[in-house]
């Protein structure tokens, strides 16, 4: 393999820089940007965070959440604030209105076993009094979670003997 000239590499990096900066600075309506505590090394998976929303990690799912996955389990996901549940976001980015044919599919994975019962999601649109309730029959598992408006939604997730919270942005 021939080495790539430094000038060609710099030109490529310069041409991608505005795109990368635009992707980092876009903030969905209803949320403000958060301040990261530390800088991740360049090889670390990207994490997106806002003041309301829980950070979205694009690296591998936690080991305990990988049942049913084979090979690389890297995908957009977020952990509940108590660490009791993971939301694997197959429909990332989530959207209040979709015309792209993709659904707002979320796979909910509980960290520990639980007695039979449903997952109840109480969602509140940040900065408003708008609330919505969704139910995933049988507890954490696959779901389509559509919410009616764009913005950052604070979710309280309750399933038998467990409760956790997280924020999800719908564009």
N, C-alpha and C. Protein backbone atom coordinates (compact mmCIF):
# COMPACT_ATOMS: atom_id res chain seq x y z
N UNK A 1 0.84 -1.17 0.00
CA UNK A 1 0.00 0.00 0.00
C UNK A 1 0.88 1.23 0.00
N UNK A 2 0.62 2.19 -0.90
CA UNK A 2 1.41 3.40 -1.01
C UNK A 2 1.04 4.40 0.07
N UNK A 3 2.03 5.10 0.65
CA UNK A 3 1.70 6.11 1.64
C UNK A 3 0.94 7.27 0.99
N UNK A 4 -0.01 7.85 1.73
CA UNK A 4 -0.78 8.99 1.24
C UNK A 4 -0.01 10.25 1.57
N UNK A 5 0.18 11.15 0.59
CA UNK A 5 0.91 12.39 0.87
C UNK A 5 0.21 13.19 1.96
N UNK A 6 1.00 13.84 2.81
CA UNK A 6 0.46 14.64 3.92
C UNK A 6 -0.47 15.72 3.41
N UNK A 7 -0.14 16.38 2.31
CA UNK A 7 -0.98 17.45 1.76
C UNK A 7 -2.36 16.91 1.39
N UNK A 8 -2.44 15.73 0.82
CA UNK A 8 -3.73 15.13 0.45
C UNK A 8 -4.54 14.81 1.69
N UNK A 9 -3.88 14.31 2.72
CA UNK A 9 -4.56 13.98 3.98
C UNK A 9 -5.12 15.25 4.61
N UNK A 10 -4.32 16.33 4.65
CA UNK A 10 -4.80 17.59 5.24
C UNK A 10 -5.96 18.16 4.46
N UNK A 11 -5.93 18.07 3.13
CA UNK A 11 -7.04 18.55 2.32
C UNK A 11 -8.31 17.79 2.65
N UNK A 12 -8.20 16.48 2.78
CA UNK A 12 -9.35 15.65 3.12
C UNK A 12 -9.90 16.03 4.49
N UNK A 13 -9.03 16.18 5.48
CA UNK A 13 -9.46 16.55 6.83
C UNK A 13 -10.12 17.92 6.82
N UNK A 14 -9.52 18.89 6.11
CA UNK A 14 -10.10 20.23 6.04
C UNK A 14 -11.47 20.21 5.40
N UNK A 15 -11.68 19.37 4.38
CA UNK A 15 -12.98 19.34 3.71
C UNK A 15 -14.05 18.69 4.58
N UNK A 16 -13.66 17.79 5.49
CA UNK A 16 -14.63 17.13 6.37
C UNK A 16 -14.88 17.91 7.66
N UNK A 17 -13.98 18.82 8.04
CA UNK A 17 -14.09 19.53 9.30
C UNK A 17 -15.41 20.30 9.44
N UNK A 18 -15.86 21.07 8.43
CA UNK A 18 -17.13 21.78 8.60
C UNK A 18 -18.31 20.83 8.83
N UNK A 19 -18.30 19.68 8.19
CA UNK A 19 -19.37 18.70 8.37
C UNK A 19 -19.33 18.16 9.79
N UNK A 20 -18.15 17.81 10.26
CA UNK A 20 -18.01 17.29 11.62
C UNK A 20 -18.43 18.33 12.64
N UNK A 21 -18.02 19.58 12.46
CA UNK A 21 -18.41 20.63 13.40
C UNK A 21 -19.91 20.86 13.38
N UNK A 22 -20.53 20.83 12.22
CA UNK A 22 -21.98 21.01 12.13
C UNK A 22 -22.70 19.90 12.87
N UNK A 23 -22.23 18.67 12.75
CA UNK A 23 -22.86 17.54 13.42
C UNK A 23 -22.75 17.67 14.93
N UNK A 24 -21.67 18.23 15.42
CA UNK A 24 -21.46 18.35 16.86
C UNK A 24 -22.27 19.51 17.43
N UNK A 25 -22.48 20.57 16.65
CA UNK A 25 -23.12 21.76 17.21
C UNK A 25 -24.61 21.81 17.01
N UNK A 26 -25.23 20.87 16.31
CA UNK A 26 -26.68 20.87 16.14
C UNK A 26 -27.32 20.41 17.44
N UNK A 27 -28.29 21.20 17.94
CA UNK A 27 -28.99 20.87 19.17
C UNK A 27 -30.48 20.84 18.87
N UNK A 28 -31.17 19.72 19.14
CA UNK A 28 -32.59 19.64 18.87
C UNK A 28 -33.37 20.69 19.67
N UNK A 29 -34.53 21.10 19.13
CA UNK A 29 -35.38 22.08 19.79
C UNK A 29 -35.76 21.60 21.18
N UNK A 30 -35.82 22.52 22.14
CA UNK A 30 -36.25 22.18 23.48
C UNK A 30 -35.12 21.74 24.40
N UNK A 31 -33.89 21.68 23.90
CA UNK A 31 -32.78 21.24 24.73
C UNK A 31 -31.63 22.22 24.59
N UNK A 32 -30.76 22.21 25.57
CA UNK A 32 -29.56 23.02 25.51
C UNK A 32 -28.37 22.10 25.57
N UNK A 33 -27.26 22.60 25.10
CA UNK A 33 -26.07 21.74 25.10
C UNK A 33 -25.53 21.60 26.50
N UNK A 34 -25.00 20.42 26.79
CA UNK A 34 -24.37 20.17 28.07
C UNK A 34 -22.88 20.40 27.93
N UNK A 35 -22.19 20.46 29.04
CA UNK A 35 -20.76 20.62 29.02
C UNK A 35 -20.13 19.30 29.41
N UNK A 36 -19.38 18.67 28.50
CA UNK A 36 -18.76 17.41 28.85
C UNK A 36 -17.72 17.61 29.94
N UNK A 37 -17.64 16.65 30.86
CA UNK A 37 -16.70 16.74 31.97
C UNK A 37 -15.27 16.53 31.49
N UNK A 38 -15.08 15.62 30.53
CA UNK A 38 -13.75 15.34 30.02
C UNK A 38 -13.83 15.13 28.53
N UNK A 39 -12.71 15.25 27.87
CA UNK A 39 -12.65 14.97 26.44
C UNK A 39 -12.35 13.51 26.23
N UNK A 40 -13.08 12.89 25.32
CA UNK A 40 -12.83 11.48 25.01
C UNK A 40 -11.69 11.39 24.02
N UNK A 41 -10.92 10.32 24.08
CA UNK A 41 -9.86 10.14 23.09
C UNK A 41 -10.49 9.97 21.71
N UNK A 42 -9.75 10.30 20.65
CA UNK A 42 -10.30 10.23 19.29
C UNK A 42 -10.88 8.87 18.92
N UNK A 43 -10.39 7.78 19.50
CA UNK A 43 -10.87 6.46 19.13
C UNK A 43 -12.11 6.05 19.90
N UNK A 44 -12.54 6.85 20.89
CA UNK A 44 -13.71 6.49 21.70
C UNK A 44 -14.98 6.68 20.89
N UNK A 45 -16.04 5.89 21.18
CA UNK A 45 -17.30 6.07 20.48
C UNK A 45 -17.87 7.45 20.78
N UNK A 46 -18.60 7.99 19.81
CA UNK A 46 -19.20 9.30 19.98
C UNK A 46 -20.30 9.24 21.03
N UNK A 47 -20.40 10.27 21.85
CA UNK A 47 -21.46 10.39 22.84
C UNK A 47 -22.08 11.76 22.67
N UNK A 48 -23.41 11.82 22.56
CA UNK A 48 -24.12 13.07 22.40
C UNK A 48 -24.88 13.33 23.69
N UNK A 49 -24.80 14.56 24.22
CA UNK A 49 -25.47 14.87 25.47
C UNK A 49 -26.09 16.25 25.39
N UNK A 50 -27.22 16.43 26.06
CA UNK A 50 -27.82 17.74 26.23
C UNK A 50 -28.18 17.87 27.69
N UNK A 51 -28.60 19.06 28.11
CA UNK A 51 -28.94 19.28 29.52
C UNK A 51 -30.08 18.37 29.95
N UNK A 52 -31.08 18.16 29.11
CA UNK A 52 -32.22 17.32 29.45
C UNK A 52 -31.96 15.86 29.13
N UNK A 53 -31.38 15.60 27.98
CA UNK A 53 -31.27 14.23 27.48
C UNK A 53 -30.12 13.46 28.12
N UNK A 54 -30.33 12.16 28.23
CA UNK A 54 -29.27 11.27 28.66
C UNK A 54 -28.28 11.12 27.51
N UNK A 55 -27.00 10.93 27.80
CA UNK A 55 -26.02 10.80 26.72
C UNK A 55 -26.31 9.58 25.83
N UNK A 56 -26.16 9.77 24.53
CA UNK A 56 -26.32 8.68 23.57
C UNK A 56 -24.92 8.16 23.24
N UNK A 57 -24.70 6.90 23.51
CA UNK A 57 -23.42 6.25 23.26
C UNK A 57 -23.57 5.44 21.97
N UNK A 58 -22.59 5.49 21.09
CA UNK A 58 -22.66 4.73 19.84
C UNK A 58 -21.72 3.53 19.84
N UNK A 59 -21.11 3.26 20.97
CA UNK A 59 -20.22 2.10 21.08
C UNK A 59 -21.01 0.84 21.38
N UNK A 60 -20.30 -0.21 21.80
CA UNK A 60 -20.97 -1.48 22.12
C UNK A 60 -21.93 -1.33 23.30
N UNK A 61 -23.00 -2.10 23.26
CA UNK A 61 -23.93 -2.16 24.39
C UNK A 61 -23.20 -2.73 25.60
N UNK A 62 -23.67 -2.41 26.82
CA UNK A 62 -23.07 -3.06 28.00
C UNK A 62 -23.18 -4.58 27.84
N UNK A 63 -22.23 -5.30 28.40
CA UNK A 63 -22.22 -6.77 28.23
C UNK A 63 -23.53 -7.40 28.64
N UNK A 64 -24.14 -6.94 29.72
CA UNK A 64 -25.38 -7.53 30.21
C UNK A 64 -26.57 -7.25 29.29
N UNK A 65 -26.43 -6.34 28.32
CA UNK A 65 -27.53 -5.99 27.41
C UNK A 65 -27.35 -6.60 26.02
N UNK A 66 -26.39 -7.50 25.83
CA UNK A 66 -26.07 -8.02 24.51
C UNK A 66 -26.77 -9.33 24.14
N UNK A 67 -27.62 -9.86 25.00
CA UNK A 67 -28.30 -11.13 24.69
C UNK A 67 -29.05 -10.98 23.37
N UNK A 68 -28.90 -11.94 22.50
CA UNK A 68 -29.58 -11.91 21.20
C UNK A 68 -28.77 -11.22 20.11
N UNK A 69 -27.69 -10.54 20.46
CA UNK A 69 -26.84 -9.89 19.46
C UNK A 69 -25.68 -10.82 19.14
N UNK A 70 -25.28 -10.83 17.88
CA UNK A 70 -24.09 -11.58 17.51
C UNK A 70 -23.13 -10.61 16.85
N UNK A 71 -21.85 -10.82 17.07
CA UNK A 71 -20.86 -9.91 16.49
C UNK A 71 -20.84 -8.59 17.23
N UNK A 72 -20.59 -7.53 16.48
CA UNK A 72 -20.47 -6.20 17.05
C UNK A 72 -21.83 -5.69 17.53
N UNK A 73 -21.92 -5.32 18.80
CA UNK A 73 -23.18 -4.80 19.34
C UNK A 73 -23.18 -3.28 19.41
N UNK A 74 -22.31 -2.64 18.62
CA UNK A 74 -22.26 -1.17 18.62
C UNK A 74 -23.51 -0.61 17.98
N UNK A 75 -24.17 0.29 18.70
CA UNK A 75 -25.36 0.96 18.19
C UNK A 75 -25.70 2.11 19.13
N UNK A 76 -26.48 3.08 18.66
CA UNK A 76 -26.88 4.16 19.55
C UNK A 76 -27.70 3.59 20.72
N UNK A 77 -27.33 3.98 21.93
CA UNK A 77 -28.06 3.53 23.12
C UNK A 77 -27.81 4.49 24.27
N UNK A 78 -28.69 4.44 25.23
CA UNK A 78 -28.51 5.24 26.44
C UNK A 78 -28.90 4.42 27.65
N UNK A 79 -28.25 4.72 28.74
CA UNK A 79 -28.46 4.00 29.99
C UNK A 79 -29.36 4.84 30.88
N UNK A 80 -30.24 4.16 31.62
CA UNK A 80 -31.03 4.84 32.63
C UNK A 80 -30.11 5.46 33.67
N UNK A 81 -30.57 6.52 34.33
CA UNK A 81 -29.73 7.23 35.28
C UNK A 81 -29.31 6.37 36.47
N UNK A 82 -30.11 5.37 36.83
CA UNK A 82 -29.74 4.46 37.92
C UNK A 82 -28.97 3.24 37.40
N UNK A 83 -28.83 3.11 36.09
CA UNK A 83 -28.11 1.97 35.51
C UNK A 83 -28.91 0.69 35.48
N UNK A 84 -30.25 0.78 35.65
CA UNK A 84 -31.12 -0.39 35.71
C UNK A 84 -31.59 -0.86 34.33
N UNK A 85 -31.52 0.04 33.32
CA UNK A 85 -32.10 -0.27 32.01
C UNK A 85 -31.30 0.42 30.91
N UNK A 86 -31.28 -0.19 29.74
CA UNK A 86 -30.67 0.40 28.55
C UNK A 86 -31.75 0.53 27.49
N UNK A 87 -31.72 1.65 26.77
CA UNK A 87 -32.58 1.85 25.61
C UNK A 87 -31.69 1.75 24.38
N UNK A 88 -31.81 0.65 23.61
CA UNK A 88 -31.07 0.49 22.36
C UNK A 88 -31.93 1.13 21.27
N UNK A 89 -31.41 2.17 20.63
CA UNK A 89 -32.18 3.01 19.71
C UNK A 89 -32.01 2.57 18.27
N UNK A 90 -32.85 1.66 17.82
CA UNK A 90 -32.80 1.21 16.43
C UNK A 90 -33.30 2.30 15.50
N UNK A 91 -34.16 3.20 15.98
CA UNK A 91 -34.72 4.28 15.17
C UNK A 91 -34.02 5.60 15.39
N UNK A 92 -32.72 5.58 15.69
CA UNK A 92 -31.99 6.81 16.00
C UNK A 92 -31.68 7.60 14.73
N UNK A 93 -31.89 8.91 14.68
CA UNK A 93 -32.45 9.71 15.75
C UNK A 93 -33.97 9.53 15.81
N UNK A 94 -34.50 9.61 17.03
CA UNK A 94 -35.94 9.50 17.23
C UNK A 94 -36.60 10.75 16.66
N UNK A 95 -37.83 10.62 16.18
CA UNK A 95 -38.51 11.76 15.56
C UNK A 95 -39.99 11.75 15.89
N UNK A 96 -40.55 12.95 16.10
CA UNK A 96 -41.98 13.09 16.38
C UNK A 96 -42.79 12.78 15.13
N UNK A 97 -42.26 13.10 13.98
CA UNK A 97 -42.93 12.84 12.71
C UNK A 97 -41.91 12.24 11.76
N UNK A 98 -42.21 11.08 11.21
CA UNK A 98 -41.24 10.40 10.35
C UNK A 98 -41.79 10.27 8.94
N UNK A 99 -40.98 10.66 7.98
CA UNK A 99 -41.33 10.44 6.58
C UNK A 99 -40.28 9.56 5.90
N UNK A 100 -39.30 9.08 6.68
CA UNK A 100 -38.20 8.30 6.11
C UNK A 100 -38.46 6.79 6.13
N UNK A 101 -39.64 6.37 6.61
CA UNK A 101 -39.96 4.95 6.64
C UNK A 101 -39.35 4.20 7.81
N UNK A 102 -38.59 4.88 8.66
CA UNK A 102 -37.98 4.26 9.83
C UNK A 102 -38.93 4.47 11.01
N UNK A 103 -38.99 3.51 11.91
CA UNK A 103 -39.84 3.68 13.09
C UNK A 103 -38.98 4.05 14.30
N UNK A 104 -39.63 4.55 15.34
CA UNK A 104 -38.95 4.89 16.58
C UNK A 104 -38.81 3.63 17.43
N UNK A 105 -38.09 2.65 16.90
CA UNK A 105 -37.93 1.37 17.59
C UNK A 105 -36.89 1.50 18.69
N UNK A 106 -37.30 1.08 19.89
CA UNK A 106 -36.42 1.07 21.05
C UNK A 106 -36.48 -0.32 21.66
N UNK A 107 -35.33 -0.92 21.86
CA UNK A 107 -35.25 -2.18 22.59
C UNK A 107 -34.85 -1.84 24.02
N UNK A 108 -35.75 -2.11 24.96
CA UNK A 108 -35.50 -1.86 26.37
C UNK A 108 -34.91 -3.13 26.97
N UNK A 109 -33.76 -3.02 27.65
CA UNK A 109 -33.12 -4.18 28.26
C UNK A 109 -32.90 -3.89 29.74
N UNK A 110 -33.53 -4.69 30.60
CA UNK A 110 -33.36 -4.55 32.05
C UNK A 110 -32.06 -5.23 32.46
N UNK A 111 -31.35 -4.63 33.40
CA UNK A 111 -30.08 -5.20 33.86
C UNK A 111 -30.29 -6.49 34.64
N UNK A 112 -31.37 -6.58 35.38
CA UNK A 112 -31.61 -7.76 36.20
C UNK A 112 -32.99 -8.34 35.89
N UNK A 113 -33.17 -9.61 36.23
CA UNK A 113 -34.46 -10.27 36.02
C UNK A 113 -35.52 -9.59 36.87
N UNK A 114 -36.77 -9.71 36.45
CA UNK A 114 -37.87 -9.08 37.16
C UNK A 114 -39.10 -9.98 37.05
N UNK A 115 -40.03 -9.83 38.01
CA UNK A 115 -41.27 -10.62 37.93
C UNK A 115 -42.09 -10.18 36.72
N UNK A 116 -43.06 -10.99 36.29
CA UNK A 116 -43.90 -10.62 35.14
C UNK A 116 -44.61 -9.28 35.36
N UNK A 117 -44.72 -8.51 34.31
CA UNK A 117 -45.42 -7.23 34.36
C UNK A 117 -44.96 -6.33 33.24
N UNK A 118 -45.72 -5.27 33.02
CA UNK A 118 -45.46 -4.35 31.92
C UNK A 118 -44.41 -3.29 32.29
N UNK A 119 -43.80 -2.72 31.25
CA UNK A 119 -42.96 -1.53 31.39
C UNK A 119 -43.87 -0.34 31.12
N UNK A 120 -44.00 0.55 32.09
CA UNK A 120 -44.83 1.75 31.93
C UNK A 120 -43.89 2.94 31.79
N UNK A 121 -44.11 3.72 30.74
CA UNK A 121 -43.26 4.87 30.44
C UNK A 121 -44.10 6.14 30.62
N UNK A 122 -43.75 6.94 31.61
CA UNK A 122 -44.36 8.25 31.82
C UNK A 122 -43.40 9.26 31.22
N UNK A 123 -43.82 9.96 30.16
CA UNK A 123 -42.95 10.90 29.45
C UNK A 123 -43.46 12.32 29.64
N UNK A 124 -42.55 13.23 29.94
CA UNK A 124 -42.90 14.65 30.10
C UNK A 124 -41.99 15.47 29.20
N UNK A 125 -42.61 16.30 28.34
CA UNK A 125 -41.84 17.17 27.45
C UNK A 125 -41.19 18.26 28.28
N UNK A 126 -39.87 18.32 28.24
CA UNK A 126 -39.10 19.26 29.04
C UNK A 126 -39.57 20.69 28.83
N UNK A 127 -39.77 21.42 29.93
CA UNK A 127 -40.16 22.83 29.86
C UNK A 127 -41.64 23.06 29.62
N UNK A 128 -42.45 21.99 29.63
CA UNK A 128 -43.89 22.12 29.40
C UNK A 128 -44.63 21.28 30.43
N UNK A 129 -45.95 21.32 30.36
CA UNK A 129 -46.77 20.44 31.21
C UNK A 129 -47.30 19.26 30.40
N UNK A 130 -46.82 19.08 29.17
CA UNK A 130 -47.28 17.99 28.30
C UNK A 130 -46.73 16.67 28.79
N UNK A 131 -47.62 15.70 29.01
CA UNK A 131 -47.21 14.37 29.42
C UNK A 131 -47.87 13.32 28.54
N UNK A 132 -47.23 12.20 28.40
CA UNK A 132 -47.72 11.06 27.64
C UNK A 132 -47.38 9.80 28.42
N UNK A 133 -48.22 8.78 28.27
CA UNK A 133 -47.94 7.48 28.90
C UNK A 133 -47.92 6.42 27.80
N UNK A 134 -46.93 5.56 27.86
CA UNK A 134 -46.82 4.43 26.94
C UNK A 134 -46.62 3.17 27.78
N UNK A 135 -47.01 2.03 27.23
CA UNK A 135 -46.89 0.76 27.93
C UNK A 135 -46.28 -0.27 26.98
N UNK A 136 -45.28 -1.00 27.48
CA UNK A 136 -44.68 -2.10 26.73
C UNK A 136 -45.14 -3.37 27.44
N UNK A 137 -46.06 -4.08 26.79
CA UNK A 137 -46.64 -5.28 27.38
C UNK A 137 -45.56 -6.33 27.63
N UNK A 138 -45.57 -6.89 28.84
CA UNK A 138 -44.61 -7.94 29.19
C UNK A 138 -43.32 -7.42 29.77
N UNK A 139 -43.15 -6.11 29.87
CA UNK A 139 -41.94 -5.54 30.46
C UNK A 139 -40.94 -5.12 29.42
N UNK A 140 -39.73 -4.77 29.84
CA UNK A 140 -38.70 -4.32 28.90
C UNK A 140 -38.52 -5.32 27.75
N UNK A 141 -38.43 -4.77 26.54
CA UNK A 141 -38.29 -5.56 25.32
C UNK A 141 -38.44 -4.65 24.14
N UNK A 142 -38.72 -5.19 22.96
CA UNK A 142 -38.86 -4.35 21.76
C UNK A 142 -40.13 -3.52 21.82
N UNK A 143 -40.04 -2.30 21.28
CA UNK A 143 -41.18 -1.39 21.28
C UNK A 143 -41.04 -0.35 20.18
N UNK A 144 -42.15 0.27 19.85
CA UNK A 144 -42.16 1.47 19.02
C UNK A 144 -42.70 2.56 19.94
N UNK A 145 -41.89 3.54 20.25
CA UNK A 145 -42.30 4.60 21.16
C UNK A 145 -42.37 5.91 20.39
N UNK A 146 -43.57 6.26 19.97
CA UNK A 146 -43.81 7.52 19.27
C UNK A 146 -44.31 8.54 20.29
N UNK A 147 -43.75 9.74 20.24
CA UNK A 147 -44.20 10.84 21.08
C UNK A 147 -44.60 11.98 20.16
N UNK A 148 -45.59 12.79 20.56
CA UNK A 148 -46.26 13.70 19.63
C UNK A 148 -45.53 14.97 19.24
N UNK A 149 -44.51 15.37 19.96
CA UNK A 149 -43.85 16.65 19.65
C UNK A 149 -42.34 16.52 19.73
N UNK A 150 -41.67 17.38 18.96
CA UNK A 150 -40.21 17.45 19.01
C UNK A 150 -39.78 18.05 20.33
N UNK A 151 -38.62 17.65 20.78
CA UNK A 151 -38.04 18.21 22.00
C UNK A 151 -37.45 17.12 22.85
N UNK A 152 -37.09 17.49 24.04
CA UNK A 152 -36.48 16.56 24.97
C UNK A 152 -37.54 16.06 25.93
N UNK A 153 -37.71 14.76 25.99
CA UNK A 153 -38.70 14.11 26.84
C UNK A 153 -38.00 13.44 28.01
N UNK A 154 -38.44 13.74 29.22
CA UNK A 154 -37.95 13.08 30.43
C UNK A 154 -38.84 11.86 30.67
N UNK A 155 -38.25 10.68 30.70
CA UNK A 155 -38.99 9.44 30.87
C UNK A 155 -38.77 8.85 32.26
N UNK A 156 -39.87 8.46 32.88
CA UNK A 156 -39.81 7.66 34.09
C UNK A 156 -40.27 6.27 33.68
N UNK A 157 -39.39 5.31 33.82
CA UNK A 157 -39.62 3.94 33.38
C UNK A 157 -39.87 3.07 34.61
N UNK A 158 -41.01 2.41 34.64
CA UNK A 158 -41.36 1.57 35.78
C UNK A 158 -41.74 0.19 35.29
N UNK A 159 -41.11 -0.84 35.85
CA UNK A 159 -41.46 -2.23 35.57
C UNK A 159 -41.35 -2.96 36.90
N UNK A 160 -41.89 -4.16 37.02
CA UNK A 160 -41.97 -4.81 38.34
C UNK A 160 -40.68 -4.72 39.15
N UNK A 161 -40.82 -4.10 40.33
CA UNK A 161 -39.74 -3.95 41.31
C UNK A 161 -38.60 -3.05 40.87
N UNK A 162 -38.78 -2.27 39.79
CA UNK A 162 -37.72 -1.40 39.28
C UNK A 162 -38.28 -0.08 38.76
N UNK A 163 -37.47 0.96 38.90
CA UNK A 163 -37.77 2.27 38.32
C UNK A 163 -36.45 2.90 37.91
N UNK A 164 -36.45 3.59 36.77
CA UNK A 164 -35.28 4.32 36.31
C UNK A 164 -35.79 5.50 35.49
N UNK A 165 -34.90 6.42 35.18
CA UNK A 165 -35.27 7.60 34.40
C UNK A 165 -34.22 7.86 33.33
N UNK A 166 -34.65 8.57 32.29
CA UNK A 166 -33.72 9.01 31.25
C UNK A 166 -34.39 10.11 30.44
N UNK A 167 -33.60 10.84 29.68
CA UNK A 167 -34.13 11.84 28.77
C UNK A 167 -33.83 11.42 27.35
N UNK A 168 -34.85 11.51 26.48
CA UNK A 168 -34.65 11.19 25.06
C UNK A 168 -35.09 12.37 24.20
N UNK A 169 -34.31 12.68 23.19
CA UNK A 169 -34.64 13.77 22.27
C UNK A 169 -35.36 13.20 21.06
N UNK A 170 -36.49 13.81 20.72
CA UNK A 170 -37.23 13.53 19.49
C UNK A 170 -37.09 14.78 18.63
N UNK A 171 -36.64 14.60 17.38
CA UNK A 171 -36.47 15.78 16.51
C UNK A 171 -37.74 16.03 15.74
